[in-house]
Amino acid sequence: MEILSKKSWVLLLVIVFSSFLFSQSDNAVRDALKKSYDSEYQLKFQKAMEDLMGVYEPTSYELNLRLGWLSYKAGKYTESIIYYKKAIAKMPLSIEAKLGIVYPLGALEKWDQVVDSYLAIIKIDVYNATANYRLSLIYYNRGDYGNSWKYLQKYVNLYPFDYDGNSLAGWVKYSVGKKEEAYAFFKKALMVNPYDTSFNKVLGIK
């Protein structure tokens, strides 16, 4: 057996020691996350954040994502946005982080930034159901029925028997005077939820 050189031995020791450190670090993160999940389950959101601070690394996607969510639940919306932005910077194609950041942005009524986040998602995943539906809802509430339908039609094609999609589609079509199309969507929504009475007046149901 060939005898390892001194340089090779040093390299081997470095690799073994590094693996040991990474293993220790991974265990510490998992333990911290476990405590954090337990605290969140008890609705102790601030405690759940504190559970992670001993292992927090500013470049960790996972920890920034987790802290973004916990900060939002704790009502610390500005702090939440900062964490989510760090997660997005680390993983620019992450849809989960872009979906996450809309919660604190919405809580602060930064609706233009919410729209930008959903548009960024659609740029990555053109048929993302959540982004398309929520964009449609935002544009509907703004009275921009053209853009509302632009995104909603993708959603109703993906989920043709979905109550929310058919209900919103009915109101969009009704708002632009296309009553026959609106009635068709309303009737389909009622097939999903026969107890809904919000369409009764429009449909002439007493």
N, C-alpha and C. Protein backbone atom coordinates (compact mmCIF):
# COMPACT_ATOMS: atom_id res chain seq x y z
N MET A 1 0.85 -1.20 0.00
CA MET A 1 0.00 0.00 0.00
C MET A 1 0.88 1.24 0.00
N GLU A 2 0.56 2.15 -0.89
CA GLU A 2 1.39 3.35 -1.01
C GLU A 2 1.22 4.23 0.22
N ILE A 3 2.30 4.70 0.76
CA ILE A 3 2.26 5.56 1.94
C ILE A 3 1.85 6.97 1.54
N LEU A 4 0.87 7.50 2.25
CA LEU A 4 0.41 8.85 1.93
C LEU A 4 1.48 9.87 2.28
N SER A 5 1.61 10.90 1.46
CA SER A 5 2.55 11.98 1.74
C SER A 5 2.02 12.82 2.88
N LYS A 6 2.89 13.61 3.47
CA LYS A 6 2.48 14.49 4.57
C LYS A 6 1.39 15.45 4.12
N LYS A 7 1.51 15.95 2.88
CA LYS A 7 0.53 16.89 2.34
C LYS A 7 -0.83 16.21 2.20
N SER A 8 -0.82 14.94 1.76
CA SER A 8 -2.07 14.20 1.59
C SER A 8 -2.74 13.96 2.93
N TRP A 9 -1.95 13.66 3.93
CA TRP A 9 -2.50 13.43 5.27
C TRP A 9 -3.17 14.69 5.80
N VAL A 10 -2.52 15.83 5.58
CA VAL A 10 -3.08 17.09 6.04
C VAL A 10 -4.41 17.37 5.34
N LEU A 11 -4.46 17.12 4.03
CA LEU A 11 -5.68 17.33 3.27
C LEU A 11 -6.79 16.42 3.76
N LEU A 12 -6.43 15.16 4.04
CA LEU A 12 -7.42 14.20 4.54
C LEU A 12 -7.98 14.64 5.88
N LEU A 13 -7.11 15.12 6.76
CA LEU A 13 -7.56 15.58 8.08
C LEU A 13 -8.48 16.79 7.96
N VAL A 14 -8.16 17.69 7.03
CA VAL A 14 -9.00 18.87 6.81
C VAL A 14 -10.39 18.45 6.36
N ILE A 15 -10.45 17.48 5.43
CA ILE A 15 -11.74 17.02 4.92
C ILE A 15 -12.56 16.37 6.02
N VAL A 16 -11.92 15.51 6.82
CA VAL A 16 -12.62 14.82 7.91
C VAL A 16 -13.12 15.82 8.94
N PHE A 17 -12.26 16.79 9.31
CA PHE A 17 -12.63 17.78 10.31
C PHE A 17 -13.76 18.67 9.80
N SER A 18 -13.71 19.05 8.52
CA SER A 18 -14.75 19.89 7.94
C SER A 18 -16.08 19.15 7.92
N SER A 19 -16.05 17.87 7.58
CA SER A 19 -17.26 17.07 7.58
C SER A 19 -17.87 16.98 8.97
N PHE A 20 -17.00 16.87 9.97
CA PHE A 20 -17.46 16.81 11.36
C PHE A 20 -18.13 18.11 11.75
N LEU A 21 -17.52 19.24 11.36
CA LEU A 21 -18.09 20.55 11.69
C LEU A 21 -19.43 20.74 11.00
N PHE A 22 -19.51 20.36 9.71
CA PHE A 22 -20.77 20.49 8.98
C PHE A 22 -21.85 19.64 9.61
N SER A 23 -21.47 18.44 10.06
CA SER A 23 -22.43 17.55 10.70
C SER A 23 -22.96 18.16 11.99
N GLN A 24 -22.03 18.71 12.78
CA GLN A 24 -22.42 19.37 14.03
C GLN A 24 -23.34 20.55 13.76
N SER A 25 -23.01 21.32 12.71
CA SER A 25 -23.80 22.49 12.36
C SER A 25 -25.20 22.08 11.91
N ASP A 26 -25.27 21.04 11.08
CA ASP A 26 -26.57 20.55 10.61
C ASP A 26 -27.45 20.11 11.78
N ASN A 27 -26.85 19.41 12.71
CA ASN A 27 -27.60 18.95 13.88
C ASN A 27 -28.13 20.12 14.70
N ALA A 28 -27.29 21.14 14.85
CA ALA A 28 -27.69 22.32 15.62
C ALA A 28 -28.87 23.04 14.95
N VAL A 29 -28.82 23.14 13.61
CA VAL A 29 -29.90 23.80 12.87
C VAL A 29 -31.19 23.00 13.00
N ARG A 30 -31.08 21.68 12.85
CA ARG A 30 -32.29 20.85 12.97
C ARG A 30 -32.90 20.95 14.37
N ASP A 31 -32.04 20.95 15.39
CA ASP A 31 -32.54 21.07 16.76
C ASP A 31 -33.24 22.42 16.98
N ALA A 32 -32.63 23.48 16.43
CA ALA A 32 -33.20 24.82 16.57
C ALA A 32 -34.54 24.91 15.85
N LEU A 33 -34.60 24.31 14.67
CA LEU A 33 -35.86 24.32 13.92
C LEU A 33 -36.95 23.53 14.65
N LYS A 34 -36.56 22.42 15.24
CA LYS A 34 -37.54 21.63 15.99
C LYS A 34 -38.13 22.45 17.14
N LYS A 35 -37.28 23.14 17.87
CA LYS A 35 -37.76 23.99 18.95
C LYS A 35 -38.65 25.10 18.42
N SER A 36 -38.26 25.64 17.27
CA SER A 36 -39.02 26.73 16.67
C SER A 36 -40.41 26.26 16.25
N TYR A 37 -40.47 25.07 15.66
CA TYR A 37 -41.78 24.53 15.26
C TYR A 37 -42.66 24.28 16.48
N ASP A 38 -42.05 23.79 17.55
CA ASP A 38 -42.82 23.55 18.78
C ASP A 38 -43.37 24.85 19.34
N SER A 39 -42.54 25.90 19.31
CA SER A 39 -42.99 27.20 19.82
C SER A 39 -44.10 27.78 18.94
N GLU A 40 -43.97 27.62 17.63
CA GLU A 40 -45.01 28.12 16.72
C GLU A 40 -46.33 27.39 16.96
N TYR A 41 -46.24 26.09 17.19
CA TYR A 41 -47.45 25.30 17.45
C TYR A 41 -48.20 25.84 18.66
N GLN A 42 -47.44 26.40 19.62
CA GLN A 42 -48.04 27.00 20.82
C GLN A 42 -48.39 28.47 20.60
N LEU A 43 -48.25 28.93 19.34
CA LEU A 43 -48.54 30.32 18.96
C LEU A 43 -47.60 31.32 19.62
N LYS A 44 -46.41 30.86 20.01
CA LYS A 44 -45.39 31.72 20.60
C LYS A 44 -44.41 32.11 19.48
N PHE A 45 -44.85 33.04 18.64
CA PHE A 45 -44.09 33.35 17.43
C PHE A 45 -42.76 34.04 17.73
N GLN A 46 -42.74 34.95 18.69
CA GLN A 46 -41.50 35.60 19.06
C GLN A 46 -40.50 34.58 19.60
N LYS A 47 -40.98 33.66 20.43
CA LYS A 47 -40.12 32.60 20.96
C LYS A 47 -39.62 31.72 19.83
N ALA A 48 -40.47 31.44 18.85
CA ALA A 48 -40.08 30.62 17.71
C ALA A 48 -38.96 31.28 16.92
N MET A 49 -38.98 32.61 16.85
CA MET A 49 -37.89 33.34 16.19
C MET A 49 -36.61 33.26 17.02
N GLU A 50 -36.76 33.46 18.31
CA GLU A 50 -35.58 33.42 19.19
C GLU A 50 -34.91 32.06 19.19
N ASP A 51 -35.69 31.01 18.99
CA ASP A 51 -35.14 29.66 18.95
C ASP A 51 -34.12 29.49 17.82
N LEU A 52 -34.23 30.33 16.79
CA LEU A 52 -33.37 30.19 15.62
C LEU A 52 -32.14 31.09 15.65
N MET A 53 -32.13 32.06 16.53
CA MET A 53 -31.08 33.07 16.48
C MET A 53 -29.69 32.52 16.78
N GLY A 54 -29.62 31.45 17.56
CA GLY A 54 -28.31 30.88 17.87
C GLY A 54 -27.63 30.22 16.69
N VAL A 55 -28.41 29.87 15.66
CA VAL A 55 -27.84 29.20 14.48
C VAL A 55 -28.03 30.04 13.22
N TYR A 56 -28.56 31.25 13.37
CA TYR A 56 -28.90 32.05 12.19
C TYR A 56 -27.67 32.45 11.40
N GLU A 57 -27.74 32.25 10.09
CA GLU A 57 -26.73 32.71 9.14
C GLU A 57 -27.43 33.58 8.11
N PRO A 58 -26.96 34.80 7.89
CA PRO A 58 -27.62 35.73 6.96
C PRO A 58 -27.76 35.19 5.54
N THR A 59 -26.90 34.21 5.17
CA THR A 59 -26.95 33.68 3.81
C THR A 59 -27.80 32.40 3.70
N SER A 60 -28.40 31.99 4.80
CA SER A 60 -29.20 30.76 4.78
C SER A 60 -30.59 31.03 4.21
N TYR A 61 -30.88 30.40 3.08
CA TYR A 61 -32.21 30.55 2.48
C TYR A 61 -33.28 30.04 3.42
N GLU A 62 -33.05 28.85 3.96
CA GLU A 62 -34.06 28.20 4.79
C GLU A 62 -34.39 29.01 6.04
N LEU A 63 -33.38 29.51 6.72
CA LEU A 63 -33.61 30.25 7.95
C LEU A 63 -34.24 31.61 7.68
N ASN A 64 -33.84 32.26 6.60
CA ASN A 64 -34.47 33.54 6.25
C ASN A 64 -35.94 33.35 5.88
N LEU A 65 -36.22 32.27 5.15
CA LEU A 65 -37.61 31.98 4.79
C LEU A 65 -38.44 31.74 6.05
N ARG A 66 -37.90 30.95 6.95
CA ARG A 66 -38.60 30.62 8.20
C ARG A 66 -38.82 31.88 9.05
N LEU A 67 -37.79 32.70 9.16
CA LEU A 67 -37.90 33.91 9.97
C LEU A 67 -38.82 34.95 9.31
N GLY A 68 -38.88 34.93 7.99
CA GLY A 68 -39.82 35.81 7.30
C GLY A 68 -41.25 35.47 7.68
N TRP A 69 -41.56 34.18 7.72
CA TRP A 69 -42.90 33.73 8.08
C TRP A 69 -43.20 34.04 9.55
N LEU A 70 -42.27 33.72 10.42
CA LEU A 70 -42.51 33.94 11.85
C LEU A 70 -42.63 35.42 12.19
N SER A 71 -41.83 36.25 11.53
CA SER A 71 -41.93 37.70 11.76
C SER A 71 -43.31 38.21 11.35
N TYR A 72 -43.80 37.69 10.23
CA TYR A 72 -45.14 38.07 9.78
C TYR A 72 -46.18 37.67 10.82
N LYS A 73 -46.10 36.43 11.31
CA LYS A 73 -47.06 35.95 12.29
C LYS A 73 -46.97 36.74 13.59
N ALA A 74 -45.79 37.26 13.90
CA ALA A 74 -45.59 38.05 15.11
C ALA A 74 -46.00 39.50 14.93
N GLY A 75 -46.43 39.85 13.71
CA GLY A 75 -46.84 41.23 13.44
C GLY A 75 -45.69 42.17 13.14
N LYS A 76 -44.51 41.61 12.90
CA LYS A 76 -43.34 42.44 12.58
C LYS A 76 -43.17 42.45 11.05
N TYR A 77 -44.00 43.22 10.39
CA TYR A 77 -44.11 43.14 8.94
C TYR A 77 -42.86 43.65 8.22
N THR A 78 -42.30 44.74 8.67
CA THR A 78 -41.10 45.28 8.03
C THR A 78 -39.94 44.30 8.17
N GLU A 79 -39.79 43.73 9.35
CA GLU A 79 -38.74 42.74 9.59
C GLU A 79 -38.96 41.50 8.71
N SER A 80 -40.20 41.11 8.59
CA SER A 80 -40.55 39.96 7.76
C SER A 80 -40.12 40.18 6.31
N ILE A 81 -40.39 41.36 5.79
CA ILE A 81 -40.01 41.68 4.41
C ILE A 81 -38.50 41.58 4.22
N ILE A 82 -37.75 42.04 5.20
CA ILE A 82 -36.29 41.99 5.11
C ILE A 82 -35.81 40.54 5.00
N TYR A 83 -36.36 39.67 5.84
CA TYR A 83 -35.96 38.25 5.79
C TYR A 83 -36.34 37.62 4.45
N TYR A 84 -37.56 37.89 4.00
CA TYR A 84 -37.99 37.31 2.74
C TYR A 84 -37.12 37.80 1.58
N LYS A 85 -36.74 39.07 1.60
CA LYS A 85 -35.88 39.60 0.53
C LYS A 85 -34.52 38.91 0.53
N LYS A 86 -34.01 38.59 1.71
CA LYS A 86 -32.74 37.86 1.79
C LYS A 86 -32.90 36.46 1.19
N ALA A 87 -34.03 35.82 1.48
CA ALA A 87 -34.28 34.49 0.92
C ALA A 87 -34.38 34.56 -0.61
N ILE A 88 -35.08 35.57 -1.11
CA ILE A 88 -35.23 35.72 -2.56
C ILE A 88 -33.89 36.02 -3.22
N ALA A 89 -33.06 36.83 -2.57
CA ALA A 89 -31.74 37.14 -3.12
C ALA A 89 -30.88 35.88 -3.21
N LYS A 90 -31.05 34.99 -2.23
CA LYS A 90 -30.29 33.74 -2.22
C LYS A 90 -30.80 32.78 -3.29
N MET A 91 -32.12 32.71 -3.47
CA MET A 91 -32.73 31.79 -4.44
C MET A 91 -33.71 32.59 -5.30
N PRO A 92 -33.21 33.26 -6.34
CA PRO A 92 -34.05 34.18 -7.12
C PRO A 92 -35.24 33.51 -7.81
N LEU A 93 -35.19 32.21 -8.06
CA LEU A 93 -36.30 31.53 -8.72
C LEU A 93 -37.30 30.94 -7.73
N SER A 94 -37.09 31.20 -6.46
CA SER A 94 -37.98 30.62 -5.44
C SER A 94 -39.37 31.23 -5.51
N ILE A 95 -40.35 30.39 -5.80
CA ILE A 95 -41.74 30.85 -5.82
C ILE A 95 -42.28 30.93 -4.40
N GLU A 96 -41.87 29.99 -3.53
CA GLU A 96 -42.39 30.00 -2.16
C GLU A 96 -42.02 31.28 -1.41
N ALA A 97 -40.82 31.78 -1.65
CA ALA A 97 -40.40 33.03 -0.98
C ALA A 97 -41.18 34.22 -1.53
N LYS A 98 -41.43 34.22 -2.84
CA LYS A 98 -42.18 35.32 -3.45
C LYS A 98 -43.65 35.29 -3.01
N LEU A 99 -44.18 34.09 -2.81
CA LEU A 99 -45.53 33.99 -2.27
C LEU A 99 -45.56 34.42 -0.81
N GLY A 100 -44.49 34.11 -0.09
CA GLY A 100 -44.43 34.46 1.33
C GLY A 100 -44.38 35.96 1.56
N ILE A 101 -43.62 36.66 0.75
CA ILE A 101 -43.40 38.09 1.01
C ILE A 101 -44.67 38.91 0.79
N VAL A 102 -45.63 38.38 0.04
CA VAL A 102 -46.85 39.16 -0.19
C VAL A 102 -47.68 39.32 1.08
N TYR A 103 -47.51 38.43 2.05
CA TYR A 103 -48.29 38.55 3.29
C TYR A 103 -47.91 39.81 4.08
N PRO A 104 -46.63 40.04 4.39
CA PRO A 104 -46.31 41.30 5.08
C PRO A 104 -46.52 42.52 4.20
N LEU A 105 -46.27 42.38 2.89
CA LEU A 105 -46.52 43.51 2.00
C LEU A 105 -48.00 43.89 1.99
N GLY A 106 -48.85 42.88 1.96
CA GLY A 106 -50.28 43.12 2.00
C GLY A 106 -50.72 43.73 3.32
N ALA A 107 -50.12 43.24 4.42
CA ALA A 107 -50.46 43.77 5.74
C ALA A 107 -50.12 45.25 5.84
N LEU A 108 -49.07 45.67 5.13
CA LEU A 108 -48.68 47.09 5.11
C LEU A 108 -49.34 47.85 3.97
N GLU A 109 -50.24 47.17 3.24
CA GLU A 109 -50.98 47.75 2.12
C GLU A 109 -50.06 48.28 1.02
N LYS A 110 -48.96 47.58 0.80
CA LYS A 110 -48.04 47.92 -0.28
C LYS A 110 -48.46 47.12 -1.52
N TRP A 111 -49.62 47.46 -2.07
CA TRP A 111 -50.24 46.64 -3.09
C TRP A 111 -49.48 46.63 -4.40
N ASP A 112 -48.82 47.72 -4.75
CA ASP A 112 -48.02 47.72 -5.99
C ASP A 112 -46.88 46.71 -5.89
N GLN A 113 -46.30 46.60 -4.69
CA GLN A 113 -45.22 45.62 -4.50
C GLN A 113 -45.76 44.19 -4.47
N VAL A 114 -46.99 44.05 -3.97
CA VAL A 114 -47.64 42.73 -4.02
C VAL A 114 -47.83 42.31 -5.48
N VAL A 115 -48.32 43.24 -6.29
CA VAL A 115 -48.50 42.95 -7.72
C VAL A 115 -47.17 42.59 -8.36
N ASP A 116 -46.12 43.34 -8.05
CA ASP A 116 -44.80 43.06 -8.61
C ASP A 116 -44.32 41.65 -8.25
N SER A 117 -44.61 41.24 -7.02
CA SER A 117 -44.21 39.91 -6.58
C SER A 117 -44.95 38.83 -7.36
N TYR A 118 -46.25 39.01 -7.54
CA TYR A 118 -47.02 38.03 -8.31
C TYR A 118 -46.59 38.00 -9.77
N LEU A 119 -46.30 39.16 -10.33
CA LEU A 119 -45.83 39.22 -11.72
C LEU A 119 -44.48 38.51 -11.87
N ALA A 120 -43.63 38.64 -10.83
CA ALA A 120 -42.34 37.96 -10.86
C ALA A 120 -42.53 36.44 -10.84
N ILE A 121 -43.54 35.99 -10.11
CA ILE A 121 -43.85 34.55 -10.08
C ILE A 121 -44.31 34.08 -11.45
N ILE A 122 -45.21 34.84 -12.07
CA ILE A 122 -45.75 34.45 -13.37
C ILE A 122 -44.68 34.46 -14.45
N LYS A 123 -43.68 35.32 -14.28
CA LYS A 123 -42.56 35.34 -15.22
C LYS A 123 -41.80 34.01 -15.17
N ILE A 124 -41.77 33.39 -13.98
CA ILE A 124 -41.11 32.10 -13.81
C ILE A 124 -42.05 30.95 -14.16
N ASP A 125 -43.29 31.07 -13.70
CA ASP A 125 -44.30 30.02 -13.86
C ASP A 125 -45.58 30.66 -14.36
N VAL A 126 -45.75 30.71 -15.67
CA VAL A 126 -46.84 31.48 -16.28
C VAL A 126 -48.22 31.00 -15.85
N TYR A 127 -48.35 29.73 -15.47
CA TYR A 127 -49.65 29.20 -15.07
C TYR A 127 -49.78 29.01 -13.56
N ASN A 128 -48.97 29.71 -12.79
CA ASN A 128 -49.09 29.57 -11.35
C ASN A 128 -50.48 30.00 -10.90
N ALA A 129 -51.22 29.07 -10.32
CA ALA A 129 -52.63 29.31 -10.00
C ALA A 129 -52.81 30.41 -8.96
N THR A 130 -52.03 30.36 -7.90
CA THR A 130 -52.18 31.34 -6.82
C THR A 130 -51.91 32.76 -7.33
N ALA A 131 -50.81 32.93 -8.05
CA ALA A 131 -50.44 34.27 -8.54
C ALA A 131 -51.49 34.79 -9.52
N ASN A 132 -51.95 33.94 -10.43
CA ASN A 132 -52.94 34.39 -11.42
C ASN A 132 -54.26 34.77 -10.76
N TYR A 133 -54.73 33.96 -9.83
CA TYR A 133 -56.01 34.27 -9.18
C TYR A 133 -55.91 35.56 -8.36
N ARG A 134 -54.85 35.68 -7.58
CA ARG A 134 -54.73 36.86 -6.71
C ARG A 134 -54.50 38.14 -7.51
N LEU A 135 -53.75 38.05 -8.60
CA LEU A 135 -53.61 39.22 -9.47
C LEU A 135 -54.96 39.63 -10.03
N SER A 136 -55.74 38.63 -10.46
CA SER A 136 -57.06 38.92 -10.99
C SER A 136 -57.94 39.61 -9.95
N LEU A 137 -57.88 39.14 -8.72
CA LEU A 137 -58.68 39.72 -7.65
C LEU A 137 -58.26 41.17 -7.36
N ILE A 138 -56.95 41.41 -7.34
CA ILE A 138 -56.46 42.77 -7.10
C ILE A 138 -56.94 43.71 -8.20
N TYR A 139 -56.78 43.28 -9.46
CA TYR A 139 -57.19 44.13 -10.58
C TYR A 139 -58.71 44.33 -10.59
N TYR A 140 -59.46 43.30 -10.20
CA TYR A 140 -60.92 43.45 -10.12
C TYR A 140 -61.29 44.52 -9.10
N ASN A 141 -60.66 44.46 -7.93
CA ASN A 141 -60.95 45.44 -6.88
C ASN A 141 -60.51 46.85 -7.29
N ARG A 142 -59.58 46.95 -8.22
CA ARG A 142 -59.16 48.25 -8.73
C ARG A 142 -60.05 48.73 -9.87
N GLY A 143 -60.96 47.88 -10.30
CA GLY A 143 -61.82 48.24 -11.42
C GLY A 143 -61.17 48.05 -12.77
N ASP A 144 -60.02 47.35 -12.79
CA ASP A 144 -59.30 47.09 -14.05
C ASP A 144 -59.72 45.70 -14.53
N TYR A 145 -60.89 45.63 -15.17
CA TYR A 145 -61.48 44.34 -15.50
C TYR A 145 -60.75 43.63 -16.65
N GLY A 146 -60.10 44.40 -17.50
CA GLY A 146 -59.32 43.81 -18.59
C GLY A 146 -58.17 42.97 -18.06
N ASN A 147 -57.38 43.57 -17.18
CA ASN A 147 -56.26 42.83 -16.60
C ASN A 147 -56.76 41.73 -15.66
N SER A 148 -57.88 41.99 -15.00
CA SER A 148 -58.44 40.97 -14.12
C SER A 148 -58.75 39.69 -14.91
N TRP A 149 -59.41 39.85 -16.05
CA TRP A 149 -59.76 38.69 -16.87
C TRP A 149 -58.52 38.05 -17.51
N LYS A 150 -57.54 38.88 -17.85
CA LYS A 150 -56.30 38.37 -18.45
C LYS A 150 -55.68 37.28 -17.59
N TYR A 151 -55.65 37.48 -16.29
CA TYR A 151 -55.04 36.50 -15.40
C TYR A 151 -56.05 35.45 -14.93
N LEU A 152 -57.30 35.85 -14.79
CA LEU A 152 -58.30 34.91 -14.28
C LEU A 152 -58.60 33.79 -15.27
N GLN A 153 -58.56 34.08 -16.57
CA GLN A 153 -58.88 33.04 -17.54
C GLN A 153 -57.90 31.88 -17.47
N LYS A 154 -56.66 32.15 -17.10
CA LYS A 154 -55.71 31.06 -16.90
C LYS A 154 -56.15 30.19 -15.73
N TYR A 155 -56.60 30.85 -14.67
CA TYR A 155 -57.00 30.13 -13.46
C TYR A 155 -58.23 29.26 -13.72
N VAL A 156 -59.24 29.82 -14.37
CA VAL A 156 -60.47 29.03 -14.58
C VAL A 156 -60.25 27.91 -15.59
N ASN A 157 -59.26 28.04 -16.45
CA ASN A 157 -58.93 26.93 -17.34
C ASN A 157 -58.21 25.82 -16.59
N LEU A 158 -57.44 26.20 -15.57
CA LEU A 158 -56.76 25.20 -14.75
C LEU A 158 -57.74 24.53 -13.77
N TYR A 159 -58.66 25.33 -13.24
CA TYR A 159 -59.62 24.84 -12.23
C TYR A 159 -61.05 25.22 -12.66
N PRO A 160 -61.59 24.54 -13.69
CA PRO A 160 -62.89 24.93 -14.23
C PRO A 160 -64.07 24.69 -13.28
N PHE A 161 -63.89 23.90 -12.23
CA PHE A 161 -65.00 23.66 -11.29
C PHE A 161 -64.66 24.22 -9.91
N ASP A 162 -63.90 25.29 -9.89
CA ASP A 162 -63.50 25.93 -8.64
C ASP A 162 -64.48 27.06 -8.31
N TYR A 163 -64.94 27.11 -7.09
CA TYR A 163 -65.93 28.11 -6.70
C TYR A 163 -65.37 29.53 -6.84
N ASP A 164 -64.20 29.79 -6.24
CA ASP A 164 -63.65 31.14 -6.25
C ASP A 164 -63.42 31.65 -7.67
N GLY A 165 -62.87 30.79 -8.52
CA GLY A 165 -62.61 31.19 -9.90
C GLY A 165 -63.87 31.53 -10.66
N ASN A 166 -64.89 30.68 -10.54
CA ASN A 166 -66.15 30.91 -11.26
C ASN A 166 -66.90 32.12 -10.70
N SER A 167 -66.86 32.28 -9.40
CA SER A 167 -67.53 33.43 -8.79
C SER A 167 -66.90 34.73 -9.27
N LEU A 168 -65.57 34.81 -9.20
CA LEU A 168 -64.90 36.03 -9.63
C LEU A 168 -65.08 36.26 -11.13
N ALA A 169 -65.03 35.18 -11.90
CA ALA A 169 -65.24 35.32 -13.35
C ALA A 169 -66.63 35.88 -13.64
N GLY A 170 -67.62 35.43 -12.87
CA GLY A 170 -68.96 35.96 -13.05
C GLY A 170 -69.02 37.45 -12.80
N TRP A 171 -68.37 37.89 -11.73
CA TRP A 171 -68.41 39.32 -11.40
C TRP A 171 -67.63 40.16 -12.40
N VAL A 172 -66.51 39.62 -12.90
CA VAL A 172 -65.74 40.35 -13.92
C VAL A 172 -66.59 40.54 -15.17
N LYS A 173 -67.20 39.45 -15.63
CA LYS A 173 -68.02 39.52 -16.84
C LYS A 173 -69.25 40.41 -16.62
N TYR A 174 -69.85 40.33 -15.46
CA TYR A 174 -71.01 41.17 -15.14
C TYR A 174 -70.63 42.65 -15.14
N SER A 175 -69.43 42.95 -14.65
CA SER A 175 -68.98 44.34 -14.55
C SER A 175 -68.73 44.98 -15.91
N VAL A 176 -68.46 44.16 -16.92
CA VAL A 176 -68.24 44.72 -18.26
C VAL A 176 -69.46 44.52 -19.15
N GLY A 177 -70.60 44.15 -18.54
CA GLY A 177 -71.85 44.07 -19.27
C GLY A 177 -72.09 42.78 -20.03
N LYS A 178 -71.22 41.79 -19.83
CA LYS A 178 -71.40 40.51 -20.52
C LYS A 178 -72.21 39.58 -19.61
N LYS A 179 -73.51 39.85 -19.54
CA LYS A 179 -74.35 39.20 -18.53
C LYS A 179 -74.57 37.71 -18.79
N GLU A 180 -74.70 37.32 -20.05
CA GLU A 180 -74.91 35.90 -20.33
C GLU A 180 -73.71 35.07 -19.88
N GLU A 181 -72.51 35.57 -20.17
CA GLU A 181 -71.30 34.88 -19.72
C GLU A 181 -71.22 34.88 -18.20
N ALA A 182 -71.61 36.01 -17.61
CA ALA A 182 -71.59 36.12 -16.15
C ALA A 182 -72.52 35.08 -15.54
N TYR A 183 -73.73 34.96 -16.08
CA TYR A 183 -74.71 34.01 -15.53
C TYR A 183 -74.18 32.58 -15.59
N ALA A 184 -73.49 32.26 -16.69
CA ALA A 184 -72.94 30.91 -16.84
C ALA A 184 -71.92 30.61 -15.74
N PHE A 185 -71.09 31.59 -15.44
CA PHE A 185 -70.09 31.39 -14.37
C PHE A 185 -70.77 31.32 -12.99
N PHE A 186 -71.75 32.20 -12.77
CA PHE A 186 -72.45 32.19 -11.49
C PHE A 186 -73.15 30.84 -11.25
N LYS A 187 -73.79 30.33 -12.30
CA LYS A 187 -74.50 29.05 -12.16
C LYS A 187 -73.53 27.91 -11.87
N LYS A 188 -72.34 27.97 -12.48
CA LYS A 188 -71.35 26.93 -12.19
C LYS A 188 -70.85 27.05 -10.76
N ALA A 189 -70.68 28.30 -10.29
CA ALA A 189 -70.26 28.50 -8.90
C ALA A 189 -71.30 27.93 -7.94
N LEU A 190 -72.57 28.09 -8.29
CA LEU A 190 -73.65 27.56 -7.45
C LEU A 190 -73.70 26.04 -7.45
N MET A 191 -73.16 25.43 -8.50
CA MET A 191 -73.05 23.97 -8.52
C MET A 191 -72.05 23.49 -7.47
N VAL A 192 -71.04 24.33 -7.23
CA VAL A 192 -70.03 23.98 -6.23
C VAL A 192 -70.55 24.30 -4.83
N ASN A 193 -71.21 25.44 -4.70
CA ASN A 193 -71.73 25.87 -3.40
C ASN A 193 -73.20 26.30 -3.55
N PRO A 194 -74.13 25.35 -3.48
CA PRO A 194 -75.56 25.66 -3.67
C PRO A 194 -76.14 26.56 -2.60
N TYR A 195 -75.42 26.75 -1.49
CA TYR A 195 -75.94 27.56 -0.39
C TYR A 195 -75.59 29.04 -0.52
N ASP A 196 -74.77 29.38 -1.50
CA ASP A 196 -74.38 30.78 -1.70
C ASP A 196 -75.58 31.59 -2.19
N THR A 197 -75.80 32.71 -1.56
CA THR A 197 -76.92 33.58 -1.97
C THR A 197 -76.45 34.90 -2.58
N SER A 198 -75.15 35.06 -2.76
CA SER A 198 -74.63 36.36 -3.23
C SER A 198 -75.00 36.66 -4.67
N PHE A 199 -75.40 35.63 -5.44
CA PHE A 199 -75.77 35.86 -6.83
C PHE A 199 -77.28 35.96 -7.03
N ASN A 200 -78.05 35.78 -5.98
CA ASN A 200 -79.51 35.68 -6.12
C ASN A 200 -80.13 36.86 -6.84
N LYS A 201 -79.76 38.06 -6.44
CA LYS A 201 -80.36 39.25 -7.03
C LYS A 201 -80.04 39.34 -8.53
N VAL A 202 -78.77 39.06 -8.86
CA VAL A 202 -78.34 39.12 -10.27
C VAL A 202 -79.06 38.07 -11.10
N LEU A 203 -79.23 36.88 -10.54
CA LEU A 203 -79.85 35.78 -11.27
C LEU A 203 -81.37 35.77 -11.16
N GLY A 204 -81.90 36.67 -10.36
CA GLY A 204 -83.34 36.73 -10.20
C GLY A 204 -83.90 35.61 -9.35
N ILE A 205 -83.09 35.10 -8.45
CA ILE A 205 -83.51 34.03 -7.56
C ILE A 205 -84.06 34.64 -6.28
N LYS A 206 -85.24 34.21 -5.88
CA LYS A 206 -85.85 34.74 -4.65
C LYS A 206 -85.73 33.75 -3.52
